[in-house]
N, C-alpha and C. Protein backbone atom coordinates (compact mmCIF):
# COMPACT_ATOMS: atom_id res chain seq x y z
N MET A 1 49.73 151.28 247.07
CA MET A 1 50.16 150.86 248.50
C MET A 1 49.00 150.20 249.05
N SER A 2 48.88 149.57 250.02
CA SER A 2 48.30 148.92 250.44
C SER A 2 47.73 149.93 251.71
N ALA A 3 46.29 149.29 252.09
CA ALA A 3 45.48 150.54 252.78
C ALA A 3 45.34 149.47 254.40
N LEU A 4 46.24 149.17 255.08
CA LEU A 4 45.94 148.59 256.00
C LEU A 4 45.24 149.72 257.02
N ARG A 5 45.41 150.35 257.18
CA ARG A 5 44.51 151.33 258.18
C ARG A 5 44.65 152.85 257.56
N ALA A 6 43.92 153.37 256.39
CA ALA A 6 43.95 154.11 255.79
C ALA A 6 43.71 155.28 256.47
N ASP A 7 42.62 154.95 257.56
CA ASP A 7 42.18 155.83 258.42
C ASP A 7 42.76 156.74 259.87
N ALA A 8 43.86 155.94 259.51
CA ALA A 8 45.09 156.46 260.93
C ALA A 8 45.37 157.51 260.70
N ALA A 9 45.52 158.60 261.73
CA ALA A 9 46.26 159.79 261.06
C ALA A 9 47.78 160.14 261.16
N ARG A 10 48.21 159.34 260.21
CA ARG A 10 49.69 159.46 260.00
C ARG A 10 50.46 160.70 259.27
N SER A 11 51.40 161.07 259.99
CA SER A 11 52.37 162.21 259.21
C SER A 11 53.67 161.88 258.96
N ASP A 12 54.12 162.00 257.85
CA ASP A 12 55.67 161.85 257.29
C ASP A 12 56.25 162.62 257.65
N HIS A 13 56.03 163.78 258.63
CA HIS A 13 57.06 164.57 259.08
C HIS A 13 58.00 163.92 260.45
N ALA A 14 59.15 163.64 260.23
CA ALA A 14 59.66 162.80 261.24
C ALA A 14 60.37 163.85 262.16
N PRO A 15 60.45 163.29 263.28
CA PRO A 15 61.23 164.47 264.24
C PRO A 15 63.03 164.15 264.03
N PRO A 16 63.20 165.41 264.27
CA PRO A 16 65.22 165.37 264.21
C PRO A 16 65.89 163.95 264.29
N GLY A 17 66.63 163.52 263.55
CA GLY A 17 67.31 162.27 264.04
C GLY A 17 66.96 161.29 263.71
N ILE A 18 65.34 161.36 263.32
CA ILE A 18 65.01 160.16 262.61
C ILE A 18 64.77 159.77 260.96
N ASP A 19 65.21 158.82 260.23
CA ASP A 19 65.51 159.30 258.90
C ASP A 19 64.11 158.49 258.25
N SER A 20 63.45 159.08 257.98
CA SER A 20 62.36 158.35 257.33
C SER A 20 62.17 158.22 256.25
N THR A 21 63.22 157.97 255.45
CA THR A 21 63.48 157.88 254.09
C THR A 21 64.04 156.33 254.06
N THR A 22 64.57 155.94 255.40
CA THR A 22 65.12 154.17 255.20
C THR A 22 64.29 153.88 255.81
N PRO A 23 63.47 152.12 255.42
CA PRO A 23 62.55 151.39 256.38
C PRO A 23 63.23 151.10 257.28
N ASN A 24 62.26 150.87 258.54
CA ASN A 24 62.73 150.24 259.80
C ASN A 24 61.83 149.28 259.92
N VAL A 25 61.91 148.17 260.55
CA VAL A 25 61.87 146.99 260.90
C VAL A 25 60.75 147.26 262.20
N ALA A 26 61.42 147.92 262.86
CA ALA A 26 59.96 148.42 263.76
C ALA A 26 58.82 149.19 263.64
N ARG A 27 58.97 149.85 263.01
CA ARG A 27 57.98 150.84 262.07
C ARG A 27 57.39 150.07 261.21
N MET A 28 57.91 149.05 260.36
CA MET A 28 57.24 147.88 259.28
C MET A 28 56.34 147.36 259.92
N TYR A 29 56.79 146.78 261.67
CA TYR A 29 55.62 146.02 262.67
C TYR A 29 54.48 146.79 262.91
N ASP A 30 55.04 148.14 262.85
CA ASP A 30 53.68 148.89 263.54
C ASP A 30 52.74 148.79 262.36
N TYR A 31 53.18 148.75 261.37
CA TYR A 31 52.46 148.90 260.03
C TYR A 31 51.52 147.78 259.83
N TYR A 32 52.19 146.66 260.41
CA TYR A 32 51.07 145.27 260.17
C TYR A 32 50.27 145.23 261.03
N LEU A 33 50.68 145.94 262.02
CA LEU A 33 49.17 145.95 263.16
C LEU A 33 48.13 147.21 262.61
N GLY A 34 48.51 147.59 262.12
CA GLY A 34 47.64 148.64 261.49
C GLY A 34 48.22 149.98 262.47
N GLY A 35 49.00 150.22 262.85
CA GLY A 35 49.59 151.35 263.45
C GLY A 35 49.32 152.45 263.06
N LYS A 36 50.24 153.69 263.27
CA LYS A 36 50.24 154.93 262.40
C LYS A 36 51.53 155.52 262.47
N ASP A 37 52.31 155.07 263.71
CA ASP A 37 53.64 155.35 263.40
C ASP A 37 54.71 154.84 262.44
N ASN A 38 54.73 154.87 261.38
CA ASN A 38 55.26 154.62 260.16
C ASN A 38 55.30 155.66 259.30
N TYR A 39 56.23 155.52 258.02
CA TYR A 39 56.56 156.53 257.04
C TYR A 39 56.47 155.87 255.83
N ALA A 40 56.60 156.54 254.83
CA ALA A 40 56.03 155.99 253.34
C ALA A 40 57.19 155.02 253.31
N ALA A 41 58.49 155.09 253.33
CA ALA A 41 59.50 154.18 253.25
C ALA A 41 59.08 153.07 254.03
N ASP A 42 58.59 152.83 255.19
CA ASP A 42 58.32 151.82 255.80
C ASP A 42 57.20 151.04 255.07
N ARG A 43 55.80 151.80 254.81
CA ARG A 43 55.05 151.03 254.05
C ARG A 43 55.03 150.66 252.79
N ALA A 44 55.97 151.38 252.12
CA ALA A 44 56.51 150.87 250.73
C ALA A 44 57.33 148.97 250.81
N CYS A 45 57.98 149.25 251.80
CA CYS A 45 58.58 148.08 252.10
C CYS A 45 57.68 147.02 252.77
N ALA A 46 56.78 147.60 253.28
CA ALA A 46 56.40 146.19 254.07
C ALA A 46 55.12 145.66 253.07
N ASP A 47 54.83 146.56 252.39
CA ASP A 47 53.71 146.29 251.22
C ASP A 47 54.40 145.19 250.39
N GLU A 48 55.57 145.40 249.68
CA GLU A 48 56.33 144.56 248.87
C GLU A 48 56.64 143.18 249.89
N VAL A 49 57.07 143.25 251.36
CA VAL A 49 56.96 141.79 252.35
C VAL A 49 55.64 141.34 252.23
N ILE A 50 54.42 142.26 252.12
CA ILE A 50 53.23 141.51 252.62
C ILE A 50 52.56 140.82 250.86
N ARG A 51 53.23 141.58 249.70
CA ARG A 51 53.17 140.90 248.35
C ARG A 51 53.67 139.59 248.30
N GLN A 52 54.78 139.26 249.10
CA GLN A 52 55.53 138.43 248.98
C GLN A 52 55.17 137.08 249.64
N ALA A 53 54.86 137.88 251.03
CA ALA A 53 54.56 136.83 252.25
C ALA A 53 53.29 137.22 252.92
N PRO A 54 51.83 137.30 252.25
CA PRO A 54 50.95 137.80 252.73
C PRO A 54 50.37 137.22 254.36
N HIS A 55 50.82 136.36 254.70
CA HIS A 55 50.74 136.13 255.94
C HIS A 55 51.42 136.85 257.25
N VAL A 56 52.24 137.86 256.70
CA VAL A 56 53.17 138.36 258.05
C VAL A 56 52.05 139.22 258.89
N ILE A 57 51.26 139.76 258.08
CA ILE A 57 50.08 140.38 259.09
C ILE A 57 49.54 139.87 259.97
N THR A 58 48.96 138.07 259.88
CA THR A 58 48.45 137.12 260.51
C THR A 58 49.24 136.94 261.36
N MET A 59 50.86 136.90 261.02
CA MET A 59 52.01 136.49 262.34
C MET A 59 52.35 137.84 263.53
N ALA A 60 52.11 138.49 262.63
CA ALA A 60 52.51 139.81 263.41
C ALA A 60 51.14 140.44 264.71
N LYS A 61 49.98 139.84 264.29
CA LYS A 61 48.97 140.49 265.18
C LYS A 61 49.06 138.92 266.12
N GLU A 62 49.16 137.52 265.66
CA GLU A 62 49.37 136.65 266.37
C GLU A 62 50.61 136.38 267.43
N ASN A 63 51.74 137.31 266.98
CA ASN A 63 52.74 137.22 267.97
C ASN A 63 52.27 138.37 269.40
N ARG A 64 51.84 139.36 268.49
CA ARG A 64 51.22 140.35 269.90
C ARG A 64 50.11 139.68 270.92
N LEU A 65 49.07 138.95 270.34
CA LEU A 65 48.47 138.21 270.97
C LEU A 65 48.90 137.42 271.97
N PHE A 66 50.11 136.57 271.36
CA PHE A 66 51.17 135.24 272.44
C PHE A 66 51.78 136.29 273.61
N LEU A 67 52.38 137.57 273.45
CA LEU A 67 52.99 137.90 273.80
C LEU A 67 52.43 138.79 275.43
N GLY A 68 51.09 138.98 274.88
CA GLY A 68 49.78 139.51 275.84
C GLY A 68 49.67 138.16 276.76
N ARG A 69 49.63 137.05 276.07
CA ARG A 69 48.98 136.05 277.35
C ARG A 69 50.14 135.64 278.18
N ALA A 70 51.54 135.43 277.27
CA ALA A 70 52.50 135.24 278.22
C ALA A 70 52.98 136.09 279.38
N VAL A 71 52.61 137.53 279.22
CA VAL A 71 52.99 138.38 280.30
C VAL A 71 52.11 138.56 281.36
N ARG A 72 50.85 137.76 281.13
CA ARG A 72 49.47 137.83 282.09
C ARG A 72 49.63 136.70 282.66
N TYR A 73 50.35 135.63 282.24
CA TYR A 73 50.63 134.65 282.95
C TYR A 73 51.87 134.67 283.69
N LEU A 74 53.01 135.15 283.32
CA LEU A 74 54.23 135.49 284.27
C LEU A 74 53.50 136.63 285.47
N ALA A 75 52.95 137.41 285.00
CA ALA A 75 52.55 138.21 286.19
C ALA A 75 51.84 137.96 286.94
N GLY A 76 50.54 136.92 286.33
CA GLY A 76 49.55 136.38 287.22
C GLY A 76 49.89 135.19 288.25
N GLU A 77 50.69 133.99 287.50
CA GLU A 77 50.61 132.61 288.01
C GLU A 77 52.20 132.57 288.83
N VAL A 78 53.02 133.55 288.27
CA VAL A 78 54.09 133.31 288.51
C VAL A 78 55.14 134.08 289.58
N GLY A 79 54.29 135.64 289.26
CA GLY A 79 54.26 136.41 290.29
C GLY A 79 55.88 137.36 289.66
N ILE A 80 55.80 137.44 288.31
CA ILE A 80 56.64 138.65 287.93
C ILE A 80 56.28 139.63 287.78
N ASP A 81 57.09 140.48 288.45
CA ASP A 81 56.52 142.12 288.33
C ASP A 81 56.91 143.00 287.55
N GLN A 82 58.12 142.74 286.84
CA GLN A 82 58.90 143.95 285.92
C GLN A 82 59.15 143.33 285.18
N PHE A 83 58.88 144.17 283.71
CA PHE A 83 59.47 143.20 281.99
C PHE A 83 60.12 144.14 281.73
N LEU A 84 61.12 143.76 280.93
CA LEU A 84 61.66 144.72 280.18
C LEU A 84 61.01 144.42 278.54
N LEU A 85 61.01 145.48 277.87
CA LEU A 85 60.53 144.98 276.58
C LEU A 85 61.56 145.75 275.68
N GLN A 86 62.11 144.57 274.67
CA GLN A 86 62.88 145.60 274.19
C GLN A 86 62.48 144.94 272.57
N ARG A 87 62.18 146.06 272.01
CA ARG A 87 61.23 145.87 270.39
C ARG A 87 62.55 146.02 269.23
N PRO A 88 62.59 145.17 268.02
CA PRO A 88 63.40 145.38 267.05
C PRO A 88 63.61 146.61 266.39
N GLY A 89 64.79 147.06 265.86
CA GLY A 89 65.03 148.19 265.40
C GLY A 89 64.73 149.31 266.35
N THR A 90 64.96 149.15 268.07
CA THR A 90 64.93 150.61 268.62
C THR A 90 66.30 150.54 269.42
N GLY A 91 67.01 149.89 269.48
CA GLY A 91 68.07 149.87 270.28
C GLY A 91 69.45 150.72 269.60
N PRO A 92 70.51 150.74 270.29
CA PRO A 92 71.09 151.49 269.79
C PRO A 92 72.34 150.87 268.82
């Protein structure tokens, strides 16, 4: 397993209703960004994606940076003051 963030305080204990044995795209994305909100199944699947497409980590980080720039522009220059964040894998 890749150690994108081996020092992160991870726990593979999932709350009720969360299937930690099946990879989830949102938790894999968290792993690509070096987060701690992912489980062994997510990390194993993400590691396979990284093995086949190593640029996925850079893409995830660049995507997050773009989102920040876009929100700053829309809030500061355009005056939008409410945003709805829809993340993959978190909807019904």
